[in-house]
C-alpha atoms as a PDB file:
ATOM      1  CA  GLN A   1     -17.383  51.060 -11.709  1.00  0.00           C
ATOM      2  CA  LEU A   2     -14.278  51.170  -9.542  1.00  0.00           C
ATOM      3  CA  VAL A   3     -11.700  48.380  -9.108  1.00  0.00           C
ATOM      4  CA  GLU A   4      -8.968  48.741  -6.580  1.00  0.00           C
ATOM      5  CA  SER A   5      -5.894  46.486  -6.292  1.00  0.00           C
ATOM      6  CA  GLY A   6      -2.362  46.292  -4.869  1.00  0.00           C
ATOM      7  CA  GLY A   7      -2.995  45.909  -1.203  1.00  0.00           C
ATOM      8  CA  GLY A   8      -1.316  43.319   1.013  1.00  0.00           C
ATOM      9  CA  LEU A   9       0.544  42.651   4.102  1.00  0.00           C
ATOM     10  CA  VAL A  10       3.798  44.636   4.745  1.00  0.00           C
ATOM     11  CA  GLN A  11       6.063  45.399   7.670  1.00  0.00           C
ATOM     12  CA  ALA A  12       6.306  48.831   9.079  1.00  0.00           C
ATOM     13  CA  GLY A  13       8.560  50.984   7.008  1.00  0.00           C
ATOM     14  CA  GLY A  14       7.683  49.121   3.783  1.00  0.00           C
ATOM     15  CA  SER A  15       5.943  50.378   0.664  1.00  0.00           C
ATOM     16  CA  LEU A  16       2.909  49.442  -1.435  1.00  0.00           C
ATOM     17  CA  ARG A  17       1.473  50.862  -4.580  1.00  0.00           C
ATOM     18  CA  LEU A  18      -2.302  50.791  -4.979  1.00  0.00           C
ATOM     19  CA  SER A  19      -4.099  51.091  -8.304  1.00  0.00           C
ATOM     20  CA  CYS A  20      -7.705  51.909  -9.103  1.00  0.00           C
ATOM     21  CA  VAL A  21      -9.236  51.540 -12.492  1.00  0.00           C
ATOM     22  CA  ALA A  22     -12.397  53.580 -12.987  1.00  0.00           C
ATOM     23  CA  SER A  23     -14.886  53.592 -15.818  1.00  0.00           C
ATOM     24  CA  GLY A  24     -14.437  56.394 -18.225  1.00  0.00           C
ATOM     25  CA  SER A  25     -17.588  58.138 -17.231  1.00  0.00           C
ATOM     26  CA  ILE A  26     -16.311  58.524 -13.643  1.00  0.00           C
ATOM     27  CA  PHE A  27     -12.709  59.267 -14.294  1.00  0.00           C
ATOM     28  CA  SER A  28     -12.751  61.695 -17.130  1.00  0.00           C
ATOM     29  CA  ILE A  29     -15.030  64.290 -15.523  1.00  0.00           C
ATOM     30  CA  ASN A  30     -13.860  63.990 -11.928  1.00  0.00           C
ATOM     31  CA  ASP A  31     -11.309  64.810  -9.374  1.00  0.00           C
ATOM     32  CA  MET A  32     -10.439  61.553  -7.720  1.00  0.00           C
ATOM     33  CA  GLY A  33      -9.455  60.502  -4.191  1.00  0.00           C
ATOM     34  CA  TRP A  34      -8.182  57.591  -2.142  1.00  0.00           C
ATOM     35  CA  TYR A  35     -10.054  56.847   1.036  1.00  0.00           C
ATOM     36  CA  ARG A  36      -9.234  54.685   3.968  1.00  0.00           C
ATOM     37  CA  GLN A  37     -11.408  52.869   6.428  1.00  0.00           C
ATOM     38  CA  ALA A  38      -9.533  51.557   9.422  1.00  0.00           C
ATOM     39  CA  PRO A  39     -11.114  48.888  11.660  1.00  0.00           C
ATOM     40  CA  GLY A  40     -13.893  50.418  13.763  1.00  0.00           C
ATOM     41  CA  LYS A  41     -13.471  53.878  12.165  1.00  0.00           C
ATOM     42  CA  GLN A  42     -15.272  55.916   9.564  1.00  0.00           C
ATOM     43  CA  ARG A  43     -13.961  56.135   6.060  1.00  0.00           C
ATOM     44  CA  GLU A  44     -11.643  59.079   5.564  1.00  0.00           C
ATOM     45  CA  LEU A  45     -10.177  60.889   2.562  1.00  0.00           C
ATOM     46  CA  VAL A  46      -6.348  60.551   2.616  1.00  0.00           C
ATOM     47  CA  ALA A  47      -5.292  61.884  -0.800  1.00  0.00           C
ATOM     48  CA  ALA A  48      -7.004  63.658  -3.651  1.00  0.00           C
ATOM     49  CA  ILE A  49      -6.001  64.638  -7.242  1.00  0.00           C
ATOM     50  CA  THR A  50      -7.668  67.013  -9.646  1.00  0.00           C
ATOM     51  CA  ARG A  51      -8.161  66.413 -13.385  1.00  0.00           C
ATOM     52  CA  ASP A  52      -5.160  68.736 -13.854  1.00  0.00           C
ATOM     53  CA  ARG A  53      -3.074  66.725 -11.325  1.00  0.00           C
ATOM     54  CA  GLY A  54      -3.106  69.114  -8.458  1.00  0.00           C
ATOM     55  CA  THR A  55      -2.873  67.058  -5.253  1.00  0.00           C
ATOM     56  CA  GLY A  56      -3.752  67.182  -1.618  1.00  0.00           C
ATOM     57  CA  TYR A  57      -3.067  64.938   1.417  1.00  0.00           C
ATOM     58  CA  ALA A  58      -4.306  64.269   4.880  1.00  0.00           C
ATOM     59  CA  ASP A  59      -1.782  65.419   7.489  1.00  0.00           C
ATOM     60  CA  SER A  60      -1.410  61.833   8.611  1.00  0.00           C
ATOM     61  CA  VAL A  61      -0.027  60.740   5.208  1.00  0.00           C
ATOM     62  CA  LYS A  62       1.648  63.918   3.982  1.00  0.00           C
ATOM     63  CA  GLY A  63       5.255  63.274   2.878  1.00  0.00           C
ATOM     64  CA  ARG A  64       4.780  59.495   2.802  1.00  0.00           C
ATOM     65  CA  PHE A  65       1.974  58.915   0.278  1.00  0.00           C
ATOM     66  CA  THR A  66       1.852  60.168  -3.410  1.00  0.00           C
ATOM     67  CA  ILE A  67      -1.287  60.136  -5.536  1.00  0.00           C
ATOM     68  CA  SER A  68      -1.132  60.130  -9.318  1.00  0.00           C
ATOM     69  CA  ARG A  69      -3.324  59.464 -12.278  1.00  0.00           C
ATOM     70  CA  ASP A  70      -2.982  58.201 -15.787  1.00  0.00           C
ATOM     71  CA  ASN A  71      -5.800  59.760 -17.841  1.00  0.00           C
ATOM     72  CA  ALA A  72      -5.206  57.545 -20.785  1.00  0.00           C
ATOM     73  CA  LYS A  73      -5.706  54.436 -18.627  1.00  0.00           C
ATOM     74  CA  ASN A  74      -8.533  55.783 -16.382  1.00  0.00           C
ATOM     75  CA  THR A  75      -6.388  54.818 -13.523  1.00  0.00           C
ATOM     76  CA  VAL A  76      -5.398  56.421 -10.244  1.00  0.00           C
ATOM     77  CA  TYR A  77      -2.485  55.347  -8.151  1.00  0.00           C
ATOM     78  CA  LEU A  78      -1.438  55.625  -4.526  1.00  0.00           C
ATOM     79  CA  GLN A  79       2.264  55.165  -3.701  1.00  0.00           C
ATOM     80  CA  MET A  80       2.609  54.487  -0.041  1.00  0.00           C
ATOM     81  CA  ASN A  81       6.042  54.675   1.639  1.00  0.00           C
ATOM     82  CA  SER A  82       7.223  54.434   5.147  1.00  0.00           C
ATOM     83  CA  LEU A  83       4.072  52.610   6.096  1.00  0.00           C
ATOM     84  CA  ARG A  84       2.939  52.535   9.703  1.00  0.00           C
ATOM     85  CA  PRO A  85       0.602  50.173  11.623  1.00  0.00           C
ATOM     86  CA  GLU A  86      -1.937  52.902  11.787  1.00  0.00           C
ATOM     87  CA  ASP A  87      -2.117  53.012   7.950  1.00  0.00           C
ATOM     88  CA  THR A  88      -3.868  49.562   8.199  1.00  0.00           C
ATOM     89  CA  GLY A  89      -7.343  49.454   6.686  1.00  0.00           C
ATOM     90  CA  VAL A  90      -9.332  48.995   3.514  1.00  0.00           C
ATOM     91  CA  TYR A  91      -8.404  51.545   0.809  1.00  0.00           C
ATOM     92  CA  TYR A  92     -10.987  52.745  -1.699  1.00  0.00           C
ATOM     93  CA  CYS A  93     -10.839  55.153  -4.608  1.00  0.00           C
ATOM     94  CA  ASN A  94     -13.777  57.301  -5.655  1.00  0.00           C
ATOM     95  CA  ALA A  95     -14.687  60.757  -6.946  1.00  0.00           C
ATOM     96  CA  LEU A  96     -14.937  63.594  -4.331  1.00  0.00           C
ATOM     97  CA  GLY A  97     -17.771  65.208  -2.505  1.00  0.00           C
ATOM     98  CA  VAL A  98     -21.113  65.177  -4.289  1.00  0.00           C
ATOM     99  CA  SER A  99     -19.674  63.286  -7.251  1.00  0.00           C
ATOM    100  CA  ILE A 100     -19.054  60.176  -5.244  1.00  0.00           C
ATOM    101  CA  VAL A 101     -20.457  57.014  -6.909  1.00  0.00           C
ATOM    102  CA  ALA A 102     -21.041  53.477  -5.776  1.00  0.00           C
ATOM    103  CA  TRP A 103     -17.945  52.140  -3.831  1.00  0.00           C
ATOM    104  CA  GLY A 104     -15.811  49.351  -5.188  1.00  0.00           C
ATOM    105  CA  GLN A 105     -14.680  46.408  -3.078  1.00  0.00           C
ATOM    106  CA  GLY A 106     -11.596  48.258  -1.878  1.00  0.00           C
ATOM    107  CA  THR A 107      -8.143  46.669  -1.198  1.00  0.00           C
ATOM    108  CA  GLN A 108      -6.907  45.672   2.168  1.00  0.00           C
ATOM    109  CA  VAL A 109      -3.675  47.080   3.507  1.00  0.00           C
ATOM    110  CA  THR A 110      -2.173  45.543   6.674  1.00  0.00           C
ATOM    111  CA  VAL A 111       0.934  46.943   8.162  1.00  0.00           C
ATOM    112  CA  SER A 112       2.633  44.884  10.918  1.00  0.00           C
ATOM    113  CA  SER A 113       4.828  46.386  13.608  1.00  0.00           C
END
């Protein structure tokens, strides 16, 4: 089970911190990622973190977003700074690739210009 939170409405240039609590069976064995689905577009992976905390980012968010994880709390975070209107969408967390499980409800992020 995946439960995302922390979204909201923010002005361009603002910041948000997203959180995702995952069940232990998902979190402990998997690399994790944050995905974004913008209106009318396919879901895309924007940030990923390995079990050993190696990270990777989509070019569109590199330098602005930071993914982290707390293994003791089965939680993955996404710190989003310098937000832009094109960052608007529903944000989801999940495992990566073939390890993806049922999606949570996501959390809505809306960035106004």
